[in-house]
Amino acid sequence: MYPDFSLSVQYAVAAPDLPRWRLRRWVGQALEQALVTPDPRAGQPVALTLRIVDADEGRALNASYRQRDYATNVLTFEYGETPDGLISGDIVLCLPVLVREAAEQHKPLPHHAAHLVTHGVLHALGWDHIVPDEAERMEALETRILAAQHIPDPYRVGSQT
């Protein structure tokens, strides 16, 4: 696991399939594989908060910060790096959206949640997917991180059964 990170987990809703130990493992795996040499931030401390919310809170946050009036699966607030080198961010998972999407995509909920936690961690580290080349790199890294945890490629149709 990535040696120097802190994770605060907040449950606004019950999420028995997403215990703290599992969320911490997913975050650690994402950090371990994303912050490696030659990334100049390799070895820097990371502090993240992961909040699991209901549809009302997810919708309110998405409307407030993205001007979109619906609950989305994951929102990430990247705060960047402090002068002393701490990388920080907040990740919000909307549990009802995750449950619905996992069912629609015929994926186990933990696999879908692991993907979105990983996706959120990468955003907190400054990764983005607006430009096609960046999207391909980010998706490839997500796929590698998940594969290391024996989770199928989330971008490959039919890979979850």
N, C-alpha and C. Protein backbone atom coordinates (compact mmCIF):
# COMPACT_ATOMS: atom_id res chain seq x y z
N MET A 1 0.83 -1.20 0.00
CA MET A 1 0.00 0.00 0.00
C MET A 1 0.87 1.25 0.00
N TYR A 2 0.29 2.32 -0.47
CA TYR A 2 0.97 3.60 -0.49
C TYR A 2 1.31 3.98 0.94
N PRO A 3 2.55 4.34 1.21
CA PRO A 3 3.00 4.46 2.60
C PRO A 3 2.48 5.64 3.40
N ASP A 4 2.17 6.76 2.77
CA ASP A 4 1.85 7.94 3.56
C ASP A 4 0.57 8.60 3.08
N PHE A 5 -0.58 8.06 3.51
CA PHE A 5 -1.84 8.72 3.18
C PHE A 5 -2.79 8.59 4.35
N SER A 6 -3.65 9.59 4.46
CA SER A 6 -4.71 9.51 5.45
C SER A 6 -6.04 9.53 4.70
N LEU A 7 -6.99 8.78 5.23
CA LEU A 7 -8.30 8.69 4.60
C LEU A 7 -9.35 8.81 5.68
N SER A 8 -10.24 9.76 5.50
CA SER A 8 -11.41 9.90 6.35
C SER A 8 -12.61 9.41 5.55
N VAL A 9 -13.37 8.48 6.12
CA VAL A 9 -14.55 7.95 5.44
C VAL A 9 -15.78 8.42 6.20
N GLN A 10 -16.70 9.02 5.47
CA GLN A 10 -17.95 9.51 6.05
C GLN A 10 -19.12 8.78 5.39
N TYR A 11 -19.99 8.23 6.22
CA TYR A 11 -21.17 7.54 5.72
C TYR A 11 -22.42 8.38 6.04
N ALA A 12 -22.99 9.02 5.01
CA ALA A 12 -24.26 9.70 5.19
C ALA A 12 -25.42 8.70 5.02
N VAL A 13 -25.12 7.53 4.45
CA VAL A 13 -26.06 6.43 4.30
C VAL A 13 -25.34 5.13 4.65
N ALA A 14 -26.11 4.15 5.06
CA ALA A 14 -25.52 2.84 5.34
C ALA A 14 -25.03 2.21 4.04
N ALA A 15 -23.81 1.67 4.11
CA ALA A 15 -23.22 1.04 2.93
C ALA A 15 -22.47 -0.22 3.36
N PRO A 16 -23.20 -1.26 3.73
CA PRO A 16 -22.54 -2.46 4.26
C PRO A 16 -21.59 -3.14 3.29
N ASP A 17 -21.80 -2.96 1.98
CA ASP A 17 -20.90 -3.55 0.99
C ASP A 17 -19.62 -2.74 0.81
N LEU A 18 -19.56 -1.57 1.46
CA LEU A 18 -18.41 -0.68 1.29
C LEU A 18 -17.80 -0.33 2.65
N PRO A 19 -17.27 -1.33 3.34
CA PRO A 19 -16.67 -1.05 4.65
C PRO A 19 -15.38 -0.23 4.51
N ARG A 20 -15.02 0.45 5.59
CA ARG A 20 -13.83 1.31 5.58
C ARG A 20 -12.58 0.57 5.11
N TRP A 21 -12.39 -0.66 5.58
CA TRP A 21 -11.16 -1.38 5.20
C TRP A 21 -11.10 -1.57 3.69
N ARG A 22 -12.23 -1.83 3.06
CA ARG A 22 -12.26 -2.04 1.61
C ARG A 22 -11.99 -0.73 0.87
N LEU A 23 -12.62 0.34 1.31
CA LEU A 23 -12.40 1.65 0.69
C LEU A 23 -10.94 2.06 0.83
N ARG A 24 -10.37 1.83 2.01
CA ARG A 24 -8.96 2.18 2.25
C ARG A 24 -8.04 1.38 1.32
N ARG A 25 -8.33 0.11 1.13
CA ARG A 25 -7.52 -0.72 0.23
C ARG A 25 -7.58 -0.18 -1.20
N TRP A 26 -8.79 0.18 -1.67
CA TRP A 26 -8.92 0.72 -3.03
C TRP A 26 -8.16 2.03 -3.19
N VAL A 27 -8.30 2.92 -2.21
CA VAL A 27 -7.58 4.20 -2.27
C VAL A 27 -6.07 3.94 -2.28
N GLY A 28 -5.61 3.07 -1.39
CA GLY A 28 -4.18 2.77 -1.31
C GLY A 28 -3.64 2.20 -2.61
N GLN A 29 -4.39 1.30 -3.24
CA GLN A 29 -3.96 0.73 -4.52
C GLN A 29 -3.87 1.80 -5.60
N ALA A 30 -4.85 2.68 -5.64
CA ALA A 30 -4.84 3.75 -6.63
C ALA A 30 -3.63 4.67 -6.43
N LEU A 31 -3.38 5.05 -5.19
CA LEU A 31 -2.24 5.92 -4.90
C LEU A 31 -0.92 5.23 -5.20
N GLU A 32 -0.82 3.98 -4.82
CA GLU A 32 0.42 3.22 -5.02
C GLU A 32 0.80 3.16 -6.50
N GLN A 33 -0.19 2.99 -7.36
CA GLN A 33 0.10 2.83 -8.78
C GLN A 33 0.10 4.15 -9.55
N ALA A 34 -0.54 5.18 -9.00
CA ALA A 34 -0.59 6.47 -9.70
C ALA A 34 0.61 7.35 -9.36
N LEU A 35 1.07 7.28 -8.13
CA LEU A 35 2.17 8.15 -7.70
C LEU A 35 3.48 7.37 -7.64
N VAL A 36 3.98 7.05 -8.81
CA VAL A 36 5.26 6.35 -8.91
C VAL A 36 6.22 7.18 -9.74
N THR A 37 7.49 6.91 -9.58
CA THR A 37 8.50 7.59 -10.39
C THR A 37 8.19 7.30 -11.85
N PRO A 38 8.22 8.26 -12.75
CA PRO A 38 8.83 9.58 -12.65
C PRO A 38 7.92 10.70 -12.16
N ASP A 39 6.73 10.39 -11.64
CA ASP A 39 5.86 11.44 -11.13
C ASP A 39 6.60 12.17 -10.02
N PRO A 40 6.77 13.49 -10.15
CA PRO A 40 7.52 14.24 -9.13
C PRO A 40 6.86 14.22 -7.75
N ARG A 41 5.58 13.83 -7.70
CA ARG A 41 4.87 13.79 -6.42
C ARG A 41 5.02 12.44 -5.71
N ALA A 42 5.73 11.50 -6.32
CA ALA A 42 5.91 10.18 -5.71
C ALA A 42 6.48 10.34 -4.31
N GLY A 43 5.85 9.69 -3.35
CA GLY A 43 6.32 9.74 -1.97
C GLY A 43 5.75 10.89 -1.15
N GLN A 44 4.98 11.78 -1.78
CA GLN A 44 4.38 12.88 -1.03
C GLN A 44 3.17 12.40 -0.24
N PRO A 45 2.89 13.03 0.89
CA PRO A 45 1.72 12.63 1.67
C PRO A 45 0.42 13.04 0.98
N VAL A 46 -0.62 12.24 1.20
CA VAL A 46 -1.93 12.47 0.60
C VAL A 46 -2.98 12.37 1.71
N ALA A 47 -3.92 13.31 1.70
CA ALA A 47 -5.04 13.29 2.65
C ALA A 47 -6.33 13.40 1.85
N LEU A 48 -7.18 12.38 1.99
CA LEU A 48 -8.44 12.35 1.25
C LEU A 48 -9.60 12.10 2.21
N THR A 49 -10.74 12.65 1.83
CA THR A 49 -12.00 12.33 2.50
C THR A 49 -12.89 11.67 1.47
N LEU A 50 -13.49 10.57 1.85
CA LEU A 50 -14.41 9.84 0.99
C LEU A 50 -15.76 9.82 1.69
N ARG A 51 -16.77 10.42 1.05
CA ARG A 51 -18.10 10.52 1.65
C ARG A 51 -19.09 9.75 0.78
N ILE A 52 -19.89 8.91 1.42
CA ILE A 52 -20.91 8.14 0.72
C ILE A 52 -22.26 8.75 1.07
N VAL A 53 -22.99 9.18 0.02
CA VAL A 53 -24.20 9.97 0.22
C VAL A 53 -25.41 9.33 -0.45
N ASP A 54 -26.59 9.90 -0.11
CA ASP A 54 -27.84 9.49 -0.75
C ASP A 54 -28.06 10.34 -2.00
N ALA A 55 -29.16 10.07 -2.70
CA ALA A 55 -29.44 10.78 -3.95
C ALA A 55 -29.70 12.26 -3.74
N ASP A 56 -30.36 12.63 -2.64
CA ASP A 56 -30.64 14.04 -2.40
C ASP A 56 -29.36 14.85 -2.22
N GLU A 57 -28.45 14.33 -1.40
CA GLU A 57 -27.19 15.05 -1.20
C GLU A 57 -26.35 15.03 -2.47
N GLY A 58 -26.34 13.90 -3.16
CA GLY A 58 -25.59 13.83 -4.42
C GLY A 58 -26.10 14.83 -5.44
N ARG A 59 -27.42 14.94 -5.53
CA ARG A 59 -28.02 15.90 -6.47
C ARG A 59 -27.70 17.34 -6.06
N ALA A 60 -27.81 17.64 -4.77
CA ALA A 60 -27.53 19.00 -4.29
C ALA A 60 -26.08 19.39 -4.55
N LEU A 61 -25.16 18.49 -4.30
CA LEU A 61 -23.74 18.79 -4.55
C LEU A 61 -23.46 18.98 -6.03
N ASN A 62 -24.03 18.12 -6.86
CA ASN A 62 -23.82 18.23 -8.30
C ASN A 62 -24.42 19.54 -8.83
N ALA A 63 -25.57 19.93 -8.31
CA ALA A 63 -26.20 21.20 -8.73
C ALA A 63 -25.38 22.39 -8.26
N SER A 64 -24.89 22.33 -7.03
CA SER A 64 -24.13 23.46 -6.48
C SER A 64 -22.78 23.66 -7.16
N TYR A 65 -22.09 22.56 -7.43
CA TYR A 65 -20.71 22.67 -7.90
C TYR A 65 -20.53 22.44 -9.39
N ARG A 66 -21.50 21.79 -10.04
CA ARG A 66 -21.37 21.53 -11.48
C ARG A 66 -22.56 22.06 -12.27
N GLN A 67 -23.51 22.67 -11.58
CA GLN A 67 -24.71 23.21 -12.21
C GLN A 67 -25.45 22.16 -13.03
N ARG A 68 -25.49 20.93 -12.51
CA ARG A 68 -26.22 19.84 -13.15
C ARG A 68 -27.20 19.29 -12.15
N ASP A 69 -28.46 19.26 -12.52
CA ASP A 69 -29.54 18.94 -11.59
C ASP A 69 -29.87 17.45 -11.56
N TYR A 70 -28.89 16.65 -11.20
CA TYR A 70 -29.10 15.22 -11.02
C TYR A 70 -27.99 14.69 -10.13
N ALA A 71 -28.23 13.56 -9.52
CA ALA A 71 -27.20 12.91 -8.72
C ALA A 71 -26.28 12.14 -9.66
N THR A 72 -24.99 12.36 -9.53
CA THR A 72 -24.01 11.66 -10.35
C THR A 72 -23.32 10.60 -9.50
N ASN A 73 -22.62 9.69 -10.12
CA ASN A 73 -22.02 8.58 -9.38
C ASN A 73 -20.87 9.02 -8.48
N VAL A 74 -19.98 9.88 -8.98
CA VAL A 74 -18.83 10.32 -8.19
C VAL A 74 -18.53 11.78 -8.50
N LEU A 75 -18.23 12.51 -7.45
CA LEU A 75 -17.77 13.90 -7.57
C LEU A 75 -16.44 13.98 -6.84
N THR A 76 -15.50 14.67 -7.45
CA THR A 76 -14.20 14.84 -6.80
C THR A 76 -13.88 16.31 -6.70
N PHE A 77 -13.40 16.68 -5.53
CA PHE A 77 -12.96 18.05 -5.28
C PHE A 77 -11.45 17.98 -5.07
N GLU A 78 -10.72 18.44 -6.05
CA GLU A 78 -9.26 18.42 -6.00
C GLU A 78 -8.79 19.74 -5.39
N TYR A 79 -8.02 19.66 -4.32
CA TYR A 79 -7.53 20.87 -3.65
C TYR A 79 -6.07 21.15 -3.97
N GLY A 80 -5.44 20.24 -4.70
CA GLY A 80 -4.06 20.46 -5.09
C GLY A 80 -3.08 20.13 -3.98
N GLU A 81 -1.98 20.83 -4.01
CA GLU A 81 -0.87 20.56 -3.11
C GLU A 81 -0.58 21.78 -2.25
N THR A 82 -0.42 21.56 -0.95
CA THR A 82 -0.08 22.65 -0.04
C THR A 82 1.41 22.98 -0.18
N PRO A 83 1.84 24.13 0.34
CA PRO A 83 3.25 24.48 0.25
C PRO A 83 4.19 23.43 0.87
N ASP A 84 3.69 22.69 1.86
CA ASP A 84 4.54 21.66 2.47
C ASP A 84 4.41 20.30 1.78
N GLY A 85 3.70 20.25 0.64
CA GLY A 85 3.68 19.04 -0.18
C GLY A 85 2.52 18.09 0.04
N LEU A 86 1.55 18.45 0.87
CA LEU A 86 0.39 17.58 1.09
C LEU A 86 -0.59 17.71 -0.07
N ILE A 87 -0.93 16.58 -0.67
CA ILE A 87 -1.93 16.52 -1.73
C ILE A 87 -3.26 16.17 -1.07
N SER A 88 -4.33 16.93 -1.38
CA SER A 88 -5.59 16.65 -0.70
C SER A 88 -6.78 16.77 -1.64
N GLY A 89 -7.87 16.13 -1.23
CA GLY A 89 -9.10 16.19 -2.00
C GLY A 89 -10.22 15.47 -1.29
N ASP A 90 -11.43 15.73 -1.78
CA ASP A 90 -12.63 15.07 -1.28
C ASP A 90 -13.26 14.30 -2.44
N ILE A 91 -13.76 13.11 -2.13
CA ILE A 91 -14.43 12.27 -3.12
C ILE A 91 -15.80 11.93 -2.55
N VAL A 92 -16.84 12.15 -3.35
CA VAL A 92 -18.21 11.87 -2.94
C VAL A 92 -18.78 10.80 -3.85
N LEU A 93 -19.23 9.70 -3.25
CA LEU A 93 -19.89 8.63 -3.98
C LEU A 93 -21.38 8.66 -3.65
N CYS A 94 -22.22 8.63 -4.67
CA CYS A 94 -23.66 8.59 -4.45
C CYS A 94 -24.10 7.14 -4.54
N LEU A 95 -24.37 6.54 -3.39
CA LEU A 95 -24.64 5.11 -3.31
C LEU A 95 -25.82 4.66 -4.18
N PRO A 96 -26.98 5.34 -4.17
CA PRO A 96 -28.08 4.86 -5.01
C PRO A 96 -27.71 4.84 -6.50
N VAL A 97 -26.91 5.80 -6.94
CA VAL A 97 -26.49 5.82 -8.35
C VAL A 97 -25.55 4.65 -8.62
N LEU A 98 -24.62 4.38 -7.71
CA LEU A 98 -23.71 3.25 -7.88
C LEU A 98 -24.48 1.94 -7.95
N VAL A 99 -25.44 1.77 -7.06
CA VAL A 99 -26.24 0.54 -7.04
C VAL A 99 -27.00 0.38 -8.35
N ARG A 100 -27.64 1.45 -8.81
CA ARG A 100 -28.40 1.40 -10.07
C ARG A 100 -27.49 1.09 -11.24
N GLU A 101 -26.35 1.79 -11.34
CA GLU A 101 -25.44 1.58 -12.47
C GLU A 101 -24.86 0.17 -12.46
N ALA A 102 -24.47 -0.32 -11.29
CA ALA A 102 -23.93 -1.67 -11.20
C ALA A 102 -24.95 -2.69 -11.71
N ALA A 103 -26.20 -2.53 -11.32
CA ALA A 103 -27.25 -3.44 -11.78
C ALA A 103 -27.44 -3.32 -13.30
N GLU A 104 -27.51 -2.10 -13.81
CA GLU A 104 -27.70 -1.89 -15.24
C GLU A 104 -26.54 -2.46 -16.06
N GLN A 105 -25.34 -2.39 -15.51
CA GLN A 105 -24.15 -2.84 -16.23
C GLN A 105 -23.78 -4.29 -15.89
N HIS A 106 -24.62 -4.93 -15.08
CA HIS A 106 -24.39 -6.33 -14.69
C HIS A 106 -23.01 -6.52 -14.05
N LYS A 107 -22.68 -5.62 -13.13
CA LYS A 107 -21.41 -5.66 -12.41
C LYS A 107 -21.69 -5.85 -10.93
N PRO A 108 -20.81 -6.55 -10.23
CA PRO A 108 -20.94 -6.57 -8.77
C PRO A 108 -20.72 -5.15 -8.22
N LEU A 109 -21.52 -4.77 -7.25
CA LEU A 109 -21.39 -3.43 -6.68
C LEU A 109 -19.97 -3.13 -6.23
N PRO A 110 -19.28 -4.05 -5.54
CA PRO A 110 -17.90 -3.71 -5.14
C PRO A 110 -16.98 -3.42 -6.32
N HIS A 111 -17.16 -4.09 -7.44
CA HIS A 111 -16.32 -3.80 -8.61
C HIS A 111 -16.58 -2.40 -9.14
N HIS A 112 -17.86 -2.05 -9.24
CA HIS A 112 -18.22 -0.72 -9.74
C HIS A 112 -17.73 0.36 -8.77
N ALA A 113 -17.92 0.13 -7.48
CA ALA A 113 -17.47 1.09 -6.48
C ALA A 113 -15.95 1.23 -6.50
N ALA A 114 -15.23 0.13 -6.64
CA ALA A 114 -13.76 0.19 -6.71
C ALA A 114 -13.33 1.05 -7.90
N HIS A 115 -14.03 0.88 -9.02
CA HIS A 115 -13.70 1.69 -10.19
C HIS A 115 -13.92 3.18 -9.91
N LEU A 116 -15.06 3.51 -9.32
CA LEU A 116 -15.35 4.92 -9.10
C LEU A 116 -14.49 5.53 -7.99
N VAL A 117 -14.11 4.75 -6.99
CA VAL A 117 -13.16 5.24 -5.99
C VAL A 117 -11.83 5.53 -6.68
N THR A 118 -11.37 4.60 -7.50
CA THR A 118 -10.12 4.79 -8.23
C THR A 118 -10.20 6.02 -9.12
N HIS A 119 -11.30 6.15 -9.83
CA HIS A 119 -11.53 7.31 -10.70
C HIS A 119 -11.45 8.61 -9.89
N GLY A 120 -12.12 8.62 -8.75
CA GLY A 120 -12.10 9.80 -7.89
C GLY A 120 -10.72 10.11 -7.36
N VAL A 121 -9.98 9.09 -6.96
CA VAL A 121 -8.61 9.31 -6.46
C VAL A 121 -7.74 9.93 -7.56
N LEU A 122 -7.85 9.41 -8.77
CA LEU A 122 -7.05 9.98 -9.86
C LEU A 122 -7.42 11.44 -10.11
N HIS A 123 -8.71 11.76 -10.06
CA HIS A 123 -9.10 13.17 -10.19
C HIS A 123 -8.50 14.01 -9.05
N ALA A 124 -8.52 13.48 -7.84
CA ALA A 124 -7.95 14.21 -6.70
C ALA A 124 -6.46 14.46 -6.89
N LEU A 125 -5.81 13.60 -7.66
CA LEU A 125 -4.38 13.76 -7.96
C LEU A 125 -4.13 14.65 -9.17
N GLY A 126 -5.21 15.13 -9.79
CA GLY A 126 -5.07 16.04 -10.91
C GLY A 126 -5.28 15.42 -12.28
N TRP A 127 -5.56 14.14 -12.34
CA TRP A 127 -5.84 13.50 -13.63
C TRP A 127 -7.19 13.99 -14.14
N ASP A 128 -7.34 14.03 -15.47
CA ASP A 128 -8.60 14.44 -16.06
C ASP A 128 -8.84 13.65 -17.34
N HIS A 129 -10.04 13.77 -17.88
CA HIS A 129 -10.40 13.03 -19.08
C HIS A 129 -11.19 13.88 -20.07
N ILE A 130 -10.92 15.17 -20.06
CA ILE A 130 -11.61 16.07 -20.99
C ILE A 130 -11.04 15.92 -22.40
N VAL A 131 -9.72 15.90 -22.51
CA VAL A 131 -9.03 15.74 -23.79
C VAL A 131 -8.90 14.24 -24.08
N PRO A 132 -9.19 13.80 -25.30
CA PRO A 132 -9.17 12.36 -25.60
C PRO A 132 -7.88 11.64 -25.20
N ASP A 133 -6.71 12.22 -25.44
CA ASP A 133 -5.46 11.56 -25.06
C ASP A 133 -5.37 11.36 -23.55
N GLU A 134 -5.80 12.39 -22.80
CA GLU A 134 -5.78 12.28 -21.34
C GLU A 134 -6.78 11.22 -20.87
N ALA A 135 -7.93 11.16 -21.53
CA ALA A 135 -8.94 10.17 -21.18
C ALA A 135 -8.40 8.75 -21.39
N GLU A 136 -7.71 8.53 -22.50
CA GLU A 136 -7.14 7.21 -22.76
C GLU A 136 -6.11 6.83 -21.70
N ARG A 137 -5.26 7.78 -21.32
CA ARG A 137 -4.24 7.50 -20.31
C ARG A 137 -4.88 7.22 -18.95
N MET A 138 -5.89 8.01 -18.61
CA MET A 138 -6.57 7.83 -17.32
C MET A 138 -7.29 6.48 -17.28
N GLU A 139 -8.00 6.15 -18.34
CA GLU A 139 -8.71 4.87 -18.40
C GLU A 139 -7.74 3.70 -18.35
N ALA A 140 -6.60 3.82 -19.02
CA ALA A 140 -5.60 2.75 -18.99
C ALA A 140 -5.05 2.56 -17.58
N LEU A 141 -4.80 3.65 -16.88
CA LEU A 141 -4.31 3.55 -15.50
C LEU A 141 -5.38 2.96 -14.59
N GLU A 142 -6.62 3.39 -14.73
CA GLU A 142 -7.71 2.81 -13.94
C GLU A 142 -7.79 1.30 -14.16
N THR A 143 -7.71 0.90 -15.41
CA THR A 143 -7.79 -0.52 -15.76
C THR A 143 -6.65 -1.31 -15.12
N ARG A 144 -5.43 -0.75 -15.14
CA ARG A 144 -4.27 -1.41 -14.51
C ARG A 144 -4.45 -1.53 -13.00
N ILE A 145 -4.91 -0.44 -12.38
CA ILE A 145 -5.11 -0.44 -10.92
C ILE A 145 -6.14 -1.50 -10.54
N LEU A 146 -7.23 -1.56 -11.28
CA LEU A 146 -8.29 -2.54 -10.98
C LEU A 146 -7.83 -3.96 -11.27
N ALA A 147 -7.09 -4.15 -12.34
CA ALA A 147 -6.60 -5.49 -12.69
C ALA A 147 -5.71 -6.04 -11.58
N ALA A 148 -4.93 -5.18 -10.95
CA ALA A 148 -4.07 -5.61 -9.84
C ALA A 148 -4.89 -6.13 -8.67
N GLN A 149 -6.18 -5.77 -8.64
CA GLN A 149 -7.08 -6.22 -7.58
C GLN A 149 -8.05 -7.29 -8.09
N HIS A 150 -7.75 -7.82 -9.28
CA HIS A 150 -8.56 -8.88 -9.90
C HIS A 150 -9.97 -8.39 -10.22
N ILE A 151 -10.07 -7.13 -10.62
CA ILE A 151 -11.35 -6.54 -11.03
C ILE A 151 -11.28 -6.33 -12.54
N PRO A 152 -12.25 -6.85 -13.28
CA PRO A 152 -12.22 -6.74 -14.75
C PRO A 152 -12.23 -5.30 -15.24
N ASP A 153 -11.77 -5.12 -16.46
CA ASP A 153 -11.73 -3.82 -17.13
C ASP A 153 -13.14 -3.22 -17.17
N PRO A 154 -13.36 -2.09 -16.50
CA PRO A 154 -14.71 -1.51 -16.46
C PRO A 154 -15.14 -0.88 -17.79
N TYR A 155 -14.19 -0.70 -18.70
CA TYR A 155 -14.51 -0.07 -19.98
C TYR A 155 -14.78 -1.09 -21.08
N ARG A 156 -14.59 -2.35 -20.79
CA ARG A 156 -14.80 -3.40 -21.77
C ARG A 156 -16.20 -3.98 -21.58
N VAL A 157 -17.01 -3.88 -22.59
CA VAL A 157 -18.39 -4.37 -22.53
C VAL A 157 -18.37 -5.88 -22.31
N GLY A 158 -19.18 -6.31 -21.35
CA GLY A 158 -19.32 -7.73 -21.08
C GLY A 158 -18.19 -8.31 -20.23
N SER A 159 -17.32 -7.47 -19.71
CA SER A 159 -16.17 -7.98 -18.95
C SER A 159 -16.51 -8.25 -17.49
N GLN A 160 -17.72 -7.95 -17.04
CA GLN A 160 -18.04 -8.02 -15.63
C GLN A 160 -18.75 -9.29 -15.21
N THR A 161 -19.06 -10.15 -16.13
CA THR A 161 -19.83 -11.33 -15.76
C THR A 161 -18.98 -12.48 -15.31
